[in-house]
């Protein structure tokens, strides 16, 4: 699974027959999170997230239904990572390369355009950051001294 992003709640999905994207909602569990230090928002999506696992429950209008409102019905996901399984729900993790089959539009018509993961800076990132580069990117802030009690102590005002 080298260099494949795991899909989490909030991933952007798009149907090739729809007019608008929608966000994926994980409905199968409340236990497994990725890239979420507080464990509240980024539930891992699995191949068990079928039915209508989308925030707005539509991809706009559907070309397969004569441009009537889309009512997606995911019957299965293809291309999931079979070496990583989560119990519950007993599902394999979805990656950004996965495609879903819709009961209305057909095989592999729903794709994931963004995994839903976003970077969250942690203390280790600041500790490992190149001090010279950080000074050029943000010259007013000394990242190494940012957690001091006086909120203005880290400013490099001379």
N, C-alpha and C. Protein backbone atom coordinates (compact mmCIF):
# COMPACT_ATOMS: atom_id res chain seq x y z
N UNK A 1 0.84 -1.19 0.00
CA UNK A 1 0.00 0.00 0.00
C UNK A 1 0.88 1.24 0.00
N UNK A 2 2.04 1.18 -0.59
CA UNK A 2 2.93 2.32 -0.55
C UNK A 2 2.33 3.54 -1.24
N UNK A 3 2.35 4.65 -0.54
CA UNK A 3 1.92 5.94 -1.04
C UNK A 3 0.44 6.06 -1.37
N UNK A 4 -0.41 5.19 -0.84
CA UNK A 4 -1.85 5.32 -1.05
C UNK A 4 -2.46 5.90 0.22
N UNK A 5 -3.29 6.90 0.06
CA UNK A 5 -3.93 7.53 1.21
C UNK A 5 -5.16 6.75 1.63
N UNK A 6 -5.30 6.58 2.94
CA UNK A 6 -6.52 5.98 3.48
C UNK A 6 -7.63 7.03 3.40
N UNK A 7 -8.83 6.56 3.17
CA UNK A 7 -9.98 7.46 3.03
C UNK A 7 -10.66 7.61 4.39
N UNK A 8 -11.01 8.84 4.73
CA UNK A 8 -11.67 9.13 6.00
C UNK A 8 -12.96 9.90 5.75
N UNK A 9 -13.75 10.01 6.81
CA UNK A 9 -14.99 10.79 6.73
C UNK A 9 -14.67 12.20 6.25
N UNK A 10 -15.48 12.69 5.34
CA UNK A 10 -15.25 14.00 4.75
C UNK A 10 -14.55 13.94 3.41
N UNK A 11 -14.19 12.72 2.97
CA UNK A 11 -13.58 12.56 1.65
C UNK A 11 -14.54 13.06 0.58
N UNK A 12 -14.00 13.62 -0.47
CA UNK A 12 -14.82 14.13 -1.57
C UNK A 12 -14.98 13.03 -2.61
N UNK A 13 -16.24 12.71 -2.92
CA UNK A 13 -16.55 11.68 -3.91
C UNK A 13 -17.30 12.33 -5.07
N UNK A 14 -17.13 11.74 -6.25
CA UNK A 14 -17.76 12.29 -7.45
C UNK A 14 -18.23 11.13 -8.32
N UNK A 15 -19.44 11.25 -8.84
CA UNK A 15 -19.97 10.25 -9.77
C UNK A 15 -19.76 10.77 -11.19
N UNK A 16 -19.34 9.90 -12.08
CA UNK A 16 -19.10 10.33 -13.46
C UNK A 16 -20.38 10.73 -14.17
N UNK A 17 -21.54 10.36 -13.63
CA UNK A 17 -22.82 10.71 -14.24
C UNK A 17 -23.54 11.83 -13.49
N UNK A 18 -22.98 12.28 -12.37
CA UNK A 18 -23.58 13.34 -11.58
C UNK A 18 -23.01 14.70 -11.93
N UNK A 19 -23.59 15.74 -11.35
CA UNK A 19 -23.14 17.11 -11.65
C UNK A 19 -22.39 17.76 -10.50
N UNK A 20 -22.52 17.24 -9.27
CA UNK A 20 -21.82 17.84 -8.13
C UNK A 20 -21.21 16.75 -7.26
N UNK A 21 -20.07 17.05 -6.62
CA UNK A 21 -19.48 16.08 -5.69
C UNK A 21 -20.23 16.07 -4.36
N UNK A 22 -19.93 15.09 -3.53
CA UNK A 22 -20.52 15.01 -2.19
C UNK A 22 -19.47 14.46 -1.24
N UNK A 23 -19.66 14.70 0.05
CA UNK A 23 -18.73 14.23 1.07
C UNK A 23 -19.15 12.87 1.60
N UNK A 24 -18.17 12.01 1.79
CA UNK A 24 -18.40 10.67 2.33
C UNK A 24 -18.66 10.76 3.83
N UNK A 25 -19.63 10.00 4.31
CA UNK A 25 -19.94 9.92 5.73
C UNK A 25 -19.80 8.46 6.15
N UNK A 26 -19.00 8.21 7.18
CA UNK A 26 -18.81 6.84 7.67
C UNK A 26 -19.94 6.52 8.64
N UNK A 27 -20.72 5.51 8.30
CA UNK A 27 -21.89 5.14 9.11
C UNK A 27 -21.72 3.80 9.81
N UNK A 28 -20.64 3.07 9.51
CA UNK A 28 -20.52 1.69 9.99
C UNK A 28 -19.85 1.53 11.34
N UNK A 29 -19.17 2.55 11.84
CA UNK A 29 -18.49 2.43 13.14
C UNK A 29 -18.19 3.81 13.71
N UNK A 30 -17.77 3.83 14.97
CA UNK A 30 -17.36 5.07 15.65
C UNK A 30 -16.06 4.83 16.42
N UNK A 31 -15.20 3.95 15.88
CA UNK A 31 -14.03 3.51 16.64
C UNK A 31 -12.68 3.86 16.02
N UNK A 32 -12.53 3.76 14.72
CA UNK A 32 -11.23 3.87 14.08
C UNK A 32 -11.06 5.23 13.39
N UNK A 33 -10.00 5.95 13.77
CA UNK A 33 -9.74 7.29 13.24
C UNK A 33 -8.35 7.35 12.61
N UNK A 34 -8.17 8.28 11.68
CA UNK A 34 -6.86 8.51 11.07
C UNK A 34 -6.61 10.00 10.96
N UNK A 35 -5.37 10.39 11.24
CA UNK A 35 -4.96 11.79 11.09
C UNK A 35 -5.90 12.74 11.84
N UNK A 36 -6.22 12.34 13.07
CA UNK A 36 -7.16 13.12 13.88
C UNK A 36 -6.75 12.94 15.34
N UNK A 37 -5.93 13.86 15.83
CA UNK A 37 -5.36 13.69 17.17
C UNK A 37 -6.39 13.59 18.28
N UNK A 38 -7.56 14.22 18.10
CA UNK A 38 -8.59 14.15 19.13
C UNK A 38 -9.55 12.98 18.94
N UNK A 39 -9.49 12.31 17.80
CA UNK A 39 -10.35 11.17 17.55
C UNK A 39 -11.83 11.53 17.55
N UNK A 40 -12.18 12.57 16.79
CA UNK A 40 -13.58 13.00 16.77
C UNK A 40 -14.16 13.17 15.37
N UNK A 41 -13.31 13.36 14.37
CA UNK A 41 -13.83 13.75 13.06
C UNK A 41 -13.49 12.82 11.91
N UNK A 42 -12.33 12.24 11.88
CA UNK A 42 -11.83 11.54 10.71
C UNK A 42 -11.94 10.02 10.85
N UNK A 43 -13.16 9.51 10.88
CA UNK A 43 -13.37 8.06 10.93
C UNK A 43 -12.85 7.43 9.65
N UNK A 44 -12.19 6.27 9.77
CA UNK A 44 -11.71 5.55 8.60
C UNK A 44 -12.87 4.93 7.84
N UNK A 45 -12.87 5.09 6.53
CA UNK A 45 -13.92 4.50 5.69
C UNK A 45 -13.51 3.08 5.32
N UNK A 46 -14.48 2.19 5.27
CA UNK A 46 -14.22 0.80 4.89
C UNK A 46 -15.14 0.38 3.75
N UNK A 47 -14.87 -0.80 3.20
CA UNK A 47 -15.69 -1.28 2.09
C UNK A 47 -17.11 -1.64 2.54
N UNK A 48 -17.37 -1.57 3.83
CA UNK A 48 -18.71 -1.83 4.36
C UNK A 48 -19.59 -0.57 4.33
N UNK A 49 -19.00 0.58 4.00
CA UNK A 49 -19.77 1.83 3.91
C UNK A 49 -20.50 1.87 2.57
N UNK A 50 -21.65 1.22 2.56
CA UNK A 50 -22.46 1.14 1.34
C UNK A 50 -23.84 1.73 1.61
N UNK A 51 -24.70 1.71 0.63
CA UNK A 51 -26.00 2.35 0.77
C UNK A 51 -25.88 3.79 0.29
N UNK A 52 -26.18 4.74 1.16
CA UNK A 52 -26.07 6.17 0.82
C UNK A 52 -25.15 6.84 1.85
N UNK A 53 -23.85 6.55 1.80
CA UNK A 53 -22.93 7.11 2.78
C UNK A 53 -22.41 8.50 2.40
N UNK A 54 -23.32 9.40 2.08
CA UNK A 54 -22.92 10.74 1.64
C UNK A 54 -23.68 11.80 2.42
N UNK A 55 -23.01 12.92 2.64
CA UNK A 55 -23.57 14.01 3.45
C UNK A 55 -24.87 14.56 2.86
N UNK A 56 -24.88 14.91 1.59
CA UNK A 56 -26.07 15.48 0.96
C UNK A 56 -26.96 14.44 0.30
N UNK A 57 -26.48 13.21 0.28
CA UNK A 57 -27.22 12.07 -0.29
C UNK A 57 -27.58 12.26 -1.76
N UNK A 58 -26.72 12.98 -2.49
CA UNK A 58 -26.96 13.19 -3.92
C UNK A 58 -25.68 13.66 -4.61
N UNK A 59 -25.59 13.40 -5.90
CA UNK A 59 -24.53 13.95 -6.74
C UNK A 59 -25.13 14.93 -7.74
N UNK A 60 -26.18 15.63 -7.33
CA UNK A 60 -26.83 16.60 -8.21
C UNK A 60 -27.84 15.92 -9.11
N UNK A 61 -27.76 16.20 -10.40
CA UNK A 61 -28.65 15.51 -11.33
C UNK A 61 -27.86 14.38 -12.01
N UNK A 62 -28.57 13.32 -12.36
CA UNK A 62 -27.94 12.10 -12.87
C UNK A 62 -28.21 11.94 -14.37
N UNK A 63 -27.14 11.81 -15.15
CA UNK A 63 -27.27 11.62 -16.59
C UNK A 63 -27.94 10.28 -16.92
N UNK A 64 -27.78 9.30 -16.04
CA UNK A 64 -28.39 7.98 -16.26
C UNK A 64 -29.90 8.01 -16.01
N UNK A 65 -30.37 9.05 -15.33
CA UNK A 65 -31.80 9.17 -15.01
C UNK A 65 -32.39 10.40 -15.72
N UNK A 66 -31.93 10.67 -16.95
CA UNK A 66 -32.41 11.80 -17.74
C UNK A 66 -32.33 13.13 -17.00
N UNK A 67 -31.21 13.33 -16.30
CA UNK A 67 -30.94 14.55 -15.53
C UNK A 67 -31.94 14.82 -14.41
N UNK A 68 -32.61 13.79 -13.95
CA UNK A 68 -33.43 13.89 -12.75
C UNK A 68 -32.50 13.86 -11.54
N UNK A 69 -32.99 14.21 -10.35
CA UNK A 69 -32.13 14.20 -9.16
C UNK A 69 -31.47 12.83 -8.93
N UNK A 70 -30.19 12.89 -8.64
CA UNK A 70 -29.42 11.68 -8.36
C UNK A 70 -29.80 11.14 -6.98
N UNK A 71 -30.01 9.84 -6.91
CA UNK A 71 -30.24 9.16 -5.64
C UNK A 71 -29.25 7.99 -5.60
N UNK A 72 -28.01 8.24 -5.13
CA UNK A 72 -27.00 7.19 -5.18
C UNK A 72 -27.34 6.03 -4.26
N UNK A 73 -26.95 4.86 -4.69
CA UNK A 73 -27.13 3.65 -3.89
C UNK A 73 -25.90 2.78 -4.11
N UNK A 74 -24.92 2.93 -3.24
CA UNK A 74 -23.66 2.20 -3.39
C UNK A 74 -23.88 0.75 -3.00
N UNK A 75 -23.55 -0.15 -3.93
CA UNK A 75 -23.71 -1.59 -3.66
C UNK A 75 -22.41 -2.26 -3.29
N UNK A 76 -21.26 -1.70 -3.76
CA UNK A 76 -19.96 -2.25 -3.38
C UNK A 76 -18.84 -1.28 -3.73
N UNK A 77 -17.73 -1.47 -3.05
CA UNK A 77 -16.50 -0.73 -3.33
C UNK A 77 -15.49 -1.69 -3.93
N UNK A 78 -14.72 -1.24 -4.90
CA UNK A 78 -13.65 -2.03 -5.51
C UNK A 78 -12.31 -1.35 -5.26
N UNK A 79 -11.25 -2.17 -5.17
CA UNK A 79 -9.90 -1.63 -5.03
C UNK A 79 -9.48 -1.32 -3.61
N UNK A 80 -10.24 -1.79 -2.61
CA UNK A 80 -9.87 -1.52 -1.21
C UNK A 80 -8.64 -2.33 -0.82
N UNK A 81 -8.02 -1.94 0.28
CA UNK A 81 -6.77 -2.56 0.74
C UNK A 81 -7.09 -3.76 1.63
N UNK A 82 -6.87 -4.95 1.10
CA UNK A 82 -7.28 -6.18 1.78
C UNK A 82 -6.34 -6.63 2.90
N UNK A 83 -5.25 -5.92 3.11
CA UNK A 83 -4.32 -6.31 4.18
C UNK A 83 -4.58 -5.54 5.47
N UNK A 84 -5.57 -4.67 5.46
CA UNK A 84 -5.89 -3.88 6.65
C UNK A 84 -7.39 -3.91 6.91
N UNK A 85 -7.77 -4.65 7.95
CA UNK A 85 -9.19 -4.86 8.26
C UNK A 85 -9.49 -4.29 9.65
N UNK A 86 -10.66 -3.68 9.78
CA UNK A 86 -11.07 -3.07 11.05
C UNK A 86 -12.33 -3.75 11.57
N UNK A 87 -12.27 -4.18 12.85
CA UNK A 87 -13.43 -4.78 13.52
C UNK A 87 -13.79 -3.94 14.73
N UNK A 88 -15.02 -3.54 14.96
CA UNK A 88 -16.06 -3.50 13.95
C UNK A 88 -15.69 -2.47 12.89
N UNK A 89 -16.22 -2.53 11.76
CA UNK A 89 -17.35 -3.26 11.20
C UNK A 89 -16.95 -4.51 10.43
N UNK A 90 -15.67 -4.94 10.51
CA UNK A 90 -15.24 -6.08 9.71
C UNK A 90 -14.97 -5.67 8.28
N UNK A 91 -14.55 -4.42 8.10
CA UNK A 91 -14.34 -3.90 6.75
C UNK A 91 -12.89 -3.59 6.46
N UNK A 92 -12.55 -3.70 5.19
CA UNK A 92 -11.21 -3.35 4.73
C UNK A 92 -11.16 -1.85 4.42
N UNK A 93 -10.00 -1.27 4.67
CA UNK A 93 -9.85 0.18 4.53
C UNK A 93 -9.93 0.59 3.05
N UNK A 94 -10.63 1.70 2.81
CA UNK A 94 -10.69 2.27 1.46
C UNK A 94 -9.46 3.15 1.24
N UNK A 95 -8.97 3.14 0.02
CA UNK A 95 -7.88 4.04 -0.37
C UNK A 95 -8.41 5.00 -1.43
N UNK A 96 -7.63 6.02 -1.71
CA UNK A 96 -8.07 7.04 -2.67
C UNK A 96 -8.31 6.46 -4.06
N UNK A 97 -7.74 5.30 -4.37
CA UNK A 97 -7.91 4.67 -5.68
C UNK A 97 -9.20 3.87 -5.81
N UNK A 98 -9.95 3.71 -4.73
CA UNK A 98 -11.16 2.89 -4.76
C UNK A 98 -12.24 3.53 -5.62
N UNK A 99 -13.08 2.66 -6.18
CA UNK A 99 -14.24 3.12 -6.95
C UNK A 99 -15.45 2.34 -6.46
N UNK A 100 -16.60 3.00 -6.50
CA UNK A 100 -17.83 2.38 -6.02
C UNK A 100 -18.79 2.10 -7.17
N UNK A 101 -19.59 1.05 -6.97
CA UNK A 101 -20.65 0.71 -7.91
C UNK A 101 -21.96 1.25 -7.38
N UNK A 102 -22.70 1.93 -8.25
CA UNK A 102 -24.01 2.47 -7.88
C UNK A 102 -25.08 1.60 -8.53
N UNK A 103 -26.14 1.30 -7.79
CA UNK A 103 -27.23 0.48 -8.32
C UNK A 103 -27.90 1.14 -9.52
N UNK A 104 -27.86 2.46 -9.58
CA UNK A 104 -28.50 3.19 -10.68
C UNK A 104 -27.53 3.40 -11.84
N UNK A 105 -26.34 3.93 -11.55
CA UNK A 105 -25.41 4.35 -12.60
C UNK A 105 -24.48 3.25 -13.09
N UNK A 106 -24.21 2.24 -12.29
CA UNK A 106 -23.39 1.12 -12.75
C UNK A 106 -22.04 1.00 -12.09
N UNK A 107 -21.22 0.12 -12.67
CA UNK A 107 -19.93 -0.27 -12.10
C UNK A 107 -18.90 0.85 -12.15
N UNK A 108 -18.19 0.99 -11.05
CA UNK A 108 -17.04 1.89 -10.91
C UNK A 108 -17.32 3.31 -11.39
N UNK A 109 -18.48 3.84 -11.07
CA UNK A 109 -18.82 5.19 -11.53
C UNK A 109 -18.54 6.26 -10.47
N UNK A 110 -18.39 5.86 -9.20
CA UNK A 110 -18.12 6.82 -8.14
C UNK A 110 -16.66 6.72 -7.75
N UNK A 111 -15.95 7.84 -7.84
CA UNK A 111 -14.54 7.86 -7.48
C UNK A 111 -14.29 8.83 -6.34
N UNK A 112 -13.17 8.63 -5.67
CA UNK A 112 -12.77 9.49 -4.55
C UNK A 112 -11.77 10.50 -5.10
N UNK A 113 -12.11 11.78 -5.04
CA UNK A 113 -11.21 12.80 -5.58
C UNK A 113 -10.29 13.39 -4.52
N UNK A 114 -10.68 13.31 -3.25
CA UNK A 114 -9.84 13.76 -2.14
C UNK A 114 -10.08 12.84 -0.96
N UNK A 115 -9.04 12.36 -0.33
CA UNK A 115 -9.15 11.35 0.72
C UNK A 115 -9.82 11.84 2.00
N UNK A 116 -9.86 13.15 2.21
CA UNK A 116 -10.43 13.68 3.44
C UNK A 116 -9.39 13.95 4.51
N UNK A 117 -8.18 13.44 4.30
CA UNK A 117 -7.12 13.68 5.27
C UNK A 117 -6.49 15.05 5.03
N UNK A 118 -6.24 15.75 6.12
CA UNK A 118 -5.54 17.02 6.06
C UNK A 118 -4.44 17.00 7.11
N UNK A 119 -3.37 17.68 6.83
CA UNK A 119 -2.25 17.70 7.77
C UNK A 119 -2.60 18.43 9.05
N UNK A 120 -2.17 17.88 10.17
CA UNK A 120 -2.34 18.53 11.47
C UNK A 120 -0.97 18.70 12.10
N UNK A 121 -0.50 19.94 12.23
CA UNK A 121 0.80 20.14 12.83
C UNK A 121 0.82 19.67 14.29
N UNK A 122 1.86 18.95 14.63
CA UNK A 122 2.01 18.43 15.99
C UNK A 122 3.30 19.01 16.58
N UNK A 123 3.49 18.80 17.86
CA UNK A 123 4.68 19.30 18.54
C UNK A 123 5.96 18.75 17.89
N UNK A 124 5.93 17.48 17.50
CA UNK A 124 7.10 16.86 16.87
C UNK A 124 7.45 17.55 15.56
N UNK A 125 6.43 18.01 14.80
CA UNK A 125 6.70 18.73 13.56
C UNK A 125 7.50 19.99 13.83
N UNK A 126 7.14 20.70 14.88
CA UNK A 126 7.84 21.94 15.23
C UNK A 126 9.25 21.63 15.69
N UNK A 127 9.40 20.58 16.51
CA UNK A 127 10.72 20.20 17.00
C UNK A 127 11.65 19.79 15.86
N UNK A 128 11.11 19.14 14.84
CA UNK A 128 11.92 18.65 13.73
C UNK A 128 12.05 19.64 12.58
N UNK A 129 11.39 20.77 12.67
CA UNK A 129 11.40 21.75 11.58
C UNK A 129 12.77 22.39 11.43
N UNK A 130 13.13 22.71 10.22
CA UNK A 130 14.37 23.41 9.92
C UNK A 130 14.22 24.86 10.39
N UNK A 131 15.00 25.22 11.39
CA UNK A 131 14.87 26.54 12.02
C UNK A 131 15.13 27.68 11.04
N UNK A 132 16.11 27.51 10.18
CA UNK A 132 16.44 28.56 9.21
C UNK A 132 15.30 28.74 8.19
N UNK A 133 14.75 27.63 7.73
CA UNK A 133 13.64 27.70 6.78
C UNK A 133 12.41 28.34 7.42
N UNK A 134 12.11 27.96 8.66
CA UNK A 134 10.96 28.53 9.37
C UNK A 134 11.12 30.04 9.56
N UNK A 135 12.34 30.48 9.81
CA UNK A 135 12.60 31.91 9.98
C UNK A 135 12.35 32.67 8.68
N UNK A 136 12.59 32.03 7.54
CA UNK A 136 12.34 32.68 6.25
C UNK A 136 10.85 32.67 5.91
N UNK A 137 10.17 31.59 6.23
CA UNK A 137 8.75 31.47 5.92
C UNK A 137 7.92 32.39 6.81
N UNK A 138 8.26 32.43 8.09
CA UNK A 138 7.52 33.24 9.05
C UNK A 138 8.51 33.97 9.96
N UNK A 139 9.05 35.09 9.51
CA UNK A 139 10.13 35.75 10.24
C UNK A 139 9.75 36.32 11.61
N UNK A 140 8.48 36.51 11.88
CA UNK A 140 8.09 37.08 13.17
C UNK A 140 7.98 36.05 14.28
N UNK A 141 7.97 34.77 13.93
CA UNK A 141 7.74 33.73 14.93
C UNK A 141 8.95 32.82 15.06
N UNK A 142 9.41 32.63 16.28
CA UNK A 142 10.42 31.63 16.58
C UNK A 142 9.67 30.39 17.05
N UNK A 143 9.55 29.40 16.18
CA UNK A 143 8.74 28.21 16.46
C UNK A 143 9.21 27.46 17.71
N UNK A 144 10.51 27.48 17.98
CA UNK A 144 11.04 26.74 19.13
C UNK A 144 10.58 27.35 20.46
N UNK A 145 10.25 28.64 20.45
CA UNK A 145 9.85 29.31 21.69
C UNK A 145 8.36 29.62 21.73
N UNK A 146 7.61 29.01 20.87
CA UNK A 146 6.19 29.34 20.73
C UNK A 146 5.34 28.95 21.94
N UNK A 147 5.72 27.96 22.70
CA UNK A 147 4.91 27.49 23.83
C UNK A 147 5.25 28.17 25.15
N UNK A 148 5.99 29.26 25.11
CA UNK A 148 6.32 29.96 26.34
C UNK A 148 5.09 30.68 26.88
N UNK A 149 5.11 30.98 28.18
CA UNK A 149 3.93 31.55 28.84
C UNK A 149 3.57 32.94 28.35
N UNK A 150 4.56 33.80 28.11
CA UNK A 150 4.28 35.14 27.61
C UNK A 150 3.96 35.03 26.12
N UNK A 151 2.75 35.38 25.69
CA UNK A 151 2.37 35.18 24.29
C UNK A 151 3.17 36.01 23.30
N UNK A 152 3.89 37.03 23.77
CA UNK A 152 4.65 37.87 22.87
C UNK A 152 6.15 37.59 22.93
N UNK A 153 6.55 36.66 23.76
CA UNK A 153 7.95 36.37 23.96
C UNK A 153 8.61 35.77 22.71
N UNK A 154 7.84 35.06 21.90
CA UNK A 154 8.41 34.39 20.73
C UNK A 154 8.56 35.31 19.52
N UNK A 155 8.06 36.55 19.58
CA UNK A 155 8.21 37.48 18.47
C UNK A 155 9.64 37.99 18.41
N UNK A 156 10.18 38.08 17.22
CA UNK A 156 11.55 38.54 17.03
C UNK A 156 11.58 40.04 16.75
N UNK A 157 11.10 40.83 17.67
CA UNK A 157 11.07 42.29 17.49
C UNK A 157 12.35 42.88 18.06
N UNK A 158 13.01 43.69 17.25
CA UNK A 158 14.28 44.28 17.70
C UNK A 158 14.25 45.77 17.59
